[in-house]
Each structure stands twice: as C-alpha cells, then as structure tokens.
Protein backbone atom coordinates (compact mmCIF):
# COMPACT_ATOMS: atom_id res chain seq x y z
CA MET A 1 18.80 37.95 -41.82
CA THR A 2 19.22 41.14 -44.15
CA ASP A 3 17.64 43.33 -41.83
CA ALA A 4 19.74 41.89 -39.04
CA ALA A 5 22.65 42.63 -41.08
CA ALA A 6 22.05 45.83 -42.17
CA HIS A 7 21.43 46.69 -38.61
CA TYR A 8 24.56 45.20 -38.13
CA LEU A 9 26.72 47.05 -40.30
CA GLU A 10 24.85 50.47 -39.12
CA GLU A 11 25.92 49.58 -35.14
CA ALA A 12 29.65 48.63 -36.80
CA ARG A 13 29.79 52.20 -38.43
CA ARG A 14 28.73 53.66 -35.37
CA GLN A 15 31.10 51.54 -33.24
CA LEU A 16 34.19 52.63 -35.58
CA ARG A 17 33.23 56.33 -35.37
CA GLY A 18 32.89 56.65 -31.70
CA HIS A 19 36.41 54.94 -31.71
CA LYS A 20 38.22 57.64 -33.71
CA ARG A 21 36.25 60.59 -32.04
CA MET A 22 37.17 58.79 -28.42
CA GLY A 23 40.97 58.85 -29.65
CA GLU A 24 40.62 62.57 -31.62
CA GLY A 25 39.25 63.69 -28.28
CA ALA A 26 42.02 62.05 -25.91
CA MET A 27 44.61 63.68 -28.51
CA SER A 28 43.59 66.78 -28.95
CA GLN A 29 43.97 67.48 -25.06
CA LEU A 30 47.95 66.84 -25.58
CA THR A 31 51.07 68.99 -26.16
CA ASP A 32 52.73 68.05 -29.38
CA GLN A 33 55.66 66.53 -27.03
CA ASP A 34 53.24 64.20 -25.08
CA PHE A 35 52.67 62.33 -28.73
CA PHE A 36 56.49 60.85 -28.69
CA LEU A 37 56.03 60.25 -24.30
CA THR A 38 56.67 56.79 -22.98
CA LEU A 39 55.69 55.49 -19.35
CA ASP A 40 58.57 53.15 -19.69
CA PRO A 41 61.40 51.59 -22.06
CA GLU A 42 58.76 49.05 -23.14
CA ALA A 43 55.78 50.88 -23.29
CA ASN A 44 54.54 52.73 -26.51
CA SER A 45 54.15 56.50 -26.94
CA ILE A 46 50.39 57.49 -28.55
CA ALA A 47 52.45 58.15 -31.48
CA ILE A 48 53.75 54.57 -31.92
CA LEU A 49 50.22 53.54 -31.15
CA VAL A 50 48.62 55.62 -34.25
CA LYS A 51 51.34 54.35 -36.45
CA HIS A 52 50.53 50.80 -35.55
CA ILE A 53 46.42 51.48 -35.84
CA ALA A 54 46.78 53.30 -39.44
CA GLY A 55 49.37 50.53 -40.75
CA ASN A 56 46.73 47.98 -39.43
CA MET A 57 44.09 50.00 -41.12
CA ARG A 58 45.55 50.22 -44.25
CA SER A 59 46.37 46.62 -44.45
CA ARG A 60 42.69 45.27 -43.15
CA PHE A 61 40.48 47.41 -45.30
CA THR A 62 42.88 48.08 -48.33
CA ASP A 63 40.79 45.90 -51.14
CA PHE A 64 38.82 44.20 -48.23
CA LEU A 65 36.65 42.21 -49.98
CA THR A 66 39.15 40.97 -52.61
CA SER A 67 42.56 40.40 -50.95
CA ASP A 68 44.13 39.05 -47.36
CA GLY A 69 44.10 41.56 -45.05
CA GLU A 70 47.38 41.15 -44.14
CA LYS A 71 49.43 42.79 -47.16
CA PRO A 72 52.59 41.80 -48.25
CA ASN A 73 53.70 45.41 -48.07
CA ARG A 74 53.00 45.81 -44.49
CA PHE A 75 56.03 45.63 -42.34
CA ARG A 76 54.49 45.25 -38.73
CA ASP A 77 57.71 45.86 -36.79
CA ARG A 78 58.20 49.15 -38.46
CA GLU A 79 54.84 50.51 -36.91
CA PHE A 80 56.59 50.20 -33.60
CA GLU A 81 59.47 52.43 -34.54
CA LEU A 82 59.46 56.15 -35.03
CA SER A 83 61.88 58.77 -36.81
CA PRO A 84 62.91 61.77 -34.78
CA ALA A 85 61.98 63.85 -37.31
CA SER A 86 58.22 62.52 -36.76
CA THR A 87 55.59 65.36 -35.90
CA ARG A 88 52.66 65.04 -34.47
CA ALA A 89 50.90 66.72 -37.47
CA GLU A 90 52.80 63.28 -39.46
CA VAL A 91 50.91 61.36 -36.62
CA MET A 92 47.39 62.68 -37.10
CA THR A 93 48.18 62.24 -41.15
CA TRP A 94 48.69 58.64 -40.46
CA TRP A 95 45.45 58.66 -38.21
CA GLU A 96 43.35 60.46 -40.82
CA GLU A 97 44.33 57.57 -43.75
CA GLY A 98 44.20 54.79 -41.76
CA TRP A 99 40.45 55.79 -40.71
CA SER A 100 40.04 56.85 -44.41
CA CYS A 101 40.63 53.17 -45.33
CA VAL A 102 38.67 51.73 -42.71
CA PHE A 103 35.16 53.66 -43.63
CA ASN A 104 35.91 53.68 -47.60
CA ALA A 105 35.47 49.77 -46.98
CA ILE A 106 32.81 49.67 -44.77
CA ASP A 107 30.69 52.15 -46.09
CA PRO A 108 29.88 50.61 -49.22
CA LEU A 109 28.96 47.24 -47.78
CA LYS A 110 25.66 45.86 -48.15
CA PRO A 111 23.91 43.56 -45.54
CA GLU A 112 25.00 40.50 -48.45
CA ASP A 113 28.31 41.01 -47.80
CA VAL A 114 28.16 40.40 -44.15
CA MET A 115 28.46 37.00 -44.68
CA ARG A 116 31.04 36.87 -47.56
CA THR A 117 34.51 35.53 -46.72
CA VAL A 118 37.18 37.48 -46.23
CA THR A 119 40.86 36.37 -45.64
CA ILE A 120 43.20 37.89 -42.73
CA ARG A 121 46.78 35.95 -42.81
CA GLY A 122 45.52 33.31 -44.77
CA GLU A 123 42.34 32.75 -42.50
CA PRO A 124 39.08 32.55 -43.75
CA HIS A 125 36.69 35.28 -41.99
CA THR A 126 33.11 36.30 -42.56
CA VAL A 127 32.81 40.62 -43.06
CA LEU A 128 31.15 39.95 -39.85
CA GLN A 129 33.71 38.38 -38.00
CA ALA A 130 36.53 40.67 -39.76
CA ILE A 131 35.15 43.56 -38.79
CA ASN A 132 34.52 42.63 -34.93
CA ARG A 133 38.20 41.47 -34.76
CA GLN A 134 39.12 44.84 -35.75
CA ILE A 135 36.47 46.49 -33.70
CA ALA A 136 38.41 44.87 -30.65
CA HIS A 137 41.78 45.61 -31.68
CA TYR A 138 41.07 49.51 -32.44
CA ALA A 139 39.19 49.52 -28.42
CA GLN A 140 42.06 48.41 -27.50
CA HIS A 141 44.57 50.37 -28.90
CA ILE A 142 42.55 53.86 -28.54
CA GLY A 143 41.71 52.21 -24.72
CA GLN A 144 46.01 53.00 -24.50
CA ILE A 145 45.84 56.13 -26.28
CA VAL A 146 43.04 57.72 -23.81
CA PHE A 147 45.19 55.98 -20.54
CA LEU A 148 48.15 57.55 -21.76
CA ALA A 149 46.54 61.13 -22.64
CA LYS A 150 44.71 60.69 -19.25
CA HIS A 151 47.75 60.43 -17.35
CA LEU A 152 49.54 63.00 -19.04
CA ARG A 153 47.04 65.51 -18.82
CA SER A 154 46.34 64.37 -14.83
CA LYS A 155 44.13 67.64 -13.13
CA ASP A 156 44.05 69.06 -16.59
CA TRP A 157 42.09 66.23 -18.19
CA LYS A 158 38.72 66.71 -19.65
CA THR A 159 36.26 63.75 -19.63
CA LEU A 160 35.58 62.09 -22.81
CA THR A 161 32.76 60.52 -21.40
CA ILE A 162 30.51 60.93 -17.73
CA PRO A 163 32.44 62.77 -15.57
CA ARG A 164 33.29 61.14 -12.13
CA GLY A 165 30.32 61.73 -9.85
CA LYS A 166 27.90 62.83 -11.99
CA SER A 167 26.15 59.85 -12.78
CA GLU A 168 23.41 60.09 -10.89
CA GLU A 169 22.74 63.79 -13.10
CA TYR A 170 23.25 62.04 -16.41
CA LYS A 171 20.67 59.33 -15.21
CA THR A 172 18.07 62.43 -14.57
CA ILE A 173 18.33 64.14 -18.25
CA ALA A 174 18.16 62.98 -21.71
CA PRO A 175 21.47 61.20 -22.13
CA LYS A 176 21.58 63.05 -25.64
CA THR A 177 21.36 66.52 -24.29
CA TYR A 178 23.68 66.03 -21.19
CA LYS A 179 27.07 68.02 -21.82
CA PRO A 180 29.67 67.37 -19.05
CA ALA A 181 31.01 70.80 -17.68
CA SER A 182 33.57 72.08 -19.40
C-alpha cells in the first residue's frame, strides 16, 4: 500500500502543478482588461474565477490535516464579487497565495497520510478523496479560464497543448521533446 500511496501523492502533485501551469499559460496571453471581461451578465470573469479558486484553496488547504476544509472565516459568496479597483496584479497575488496553500499542505504529505481522515463541511474524507475532490474542482475552473482566454485571444491564441492538425507530428517524435510552433 505504501508504494501505491507514494505514487498517488506524486501523481496528485504532478496534476496540480500541471493545472497551475495551464492556468498561467492561458492568463499570460491576456491583456489586463481581459481578466475582468464577462461573456454575459451571469458569467464569471477570469478574475472572479481566480478569486474563487484561491478562496477555496485557502479554506481547504490551510491546516489541511487538522481542521475542517470549510473555514469559518471563508465567505464563499464574496469570492464572486470584485472591487472596481481590483487589478491584474492583485488577481495574480490571489492565484499565487492559493497555490502556496495547496503545495504547503500537499508537498509534506507522506504515504501513511493518504488514508487519514479529514473533513470538508463536516463530512469525513480520506486525504485521497479530499485531494481528488480538489483536483477535479480546480480542473473545472481552470478549464473555464482556458476557454475564456482562448475565446478572448481568438486567432492570436497560442495553444497550451498539441495544436490542431499536429497530432500526427506529435506521435512521430518523443512527447518530451515536442514543442508547439510559436
């Protein structure tokens, strides 16, 4: 079990770092103004998505093993509100602070921690379940960030994965050496 748990933790860390990289790759292509645009009155901007993700990360991963993942000082609804004075730099600070909470909690975990019980909103979860829950949640919202960024950049979008029409080229060379054309 220890080998499987160690592998799980390594994979969880790899996936989380990949999601962070994907979000950053999308956001790096945007103008400051793009961070705050919405597609319609009910949609979230990239800034709001980042604020929500960061709030969730702080709540879930602060004192991860010892306190409920829904902290009493989290006000989730406020994560979907922005001040008119919010800036891209502020948004990116939220992003980095959120990810710091995640990695400060996940990186020191040992294989024997994987089956420990933690709570989220009073519900017991194994560490494995809690991490999987968050990986899925962050993937969903980072997918929204990528979608919005791609929509906003349109023809100027630089792909974050294998470019359309390049799958066969990708298969013929070692995946680790593949570099999409800029």
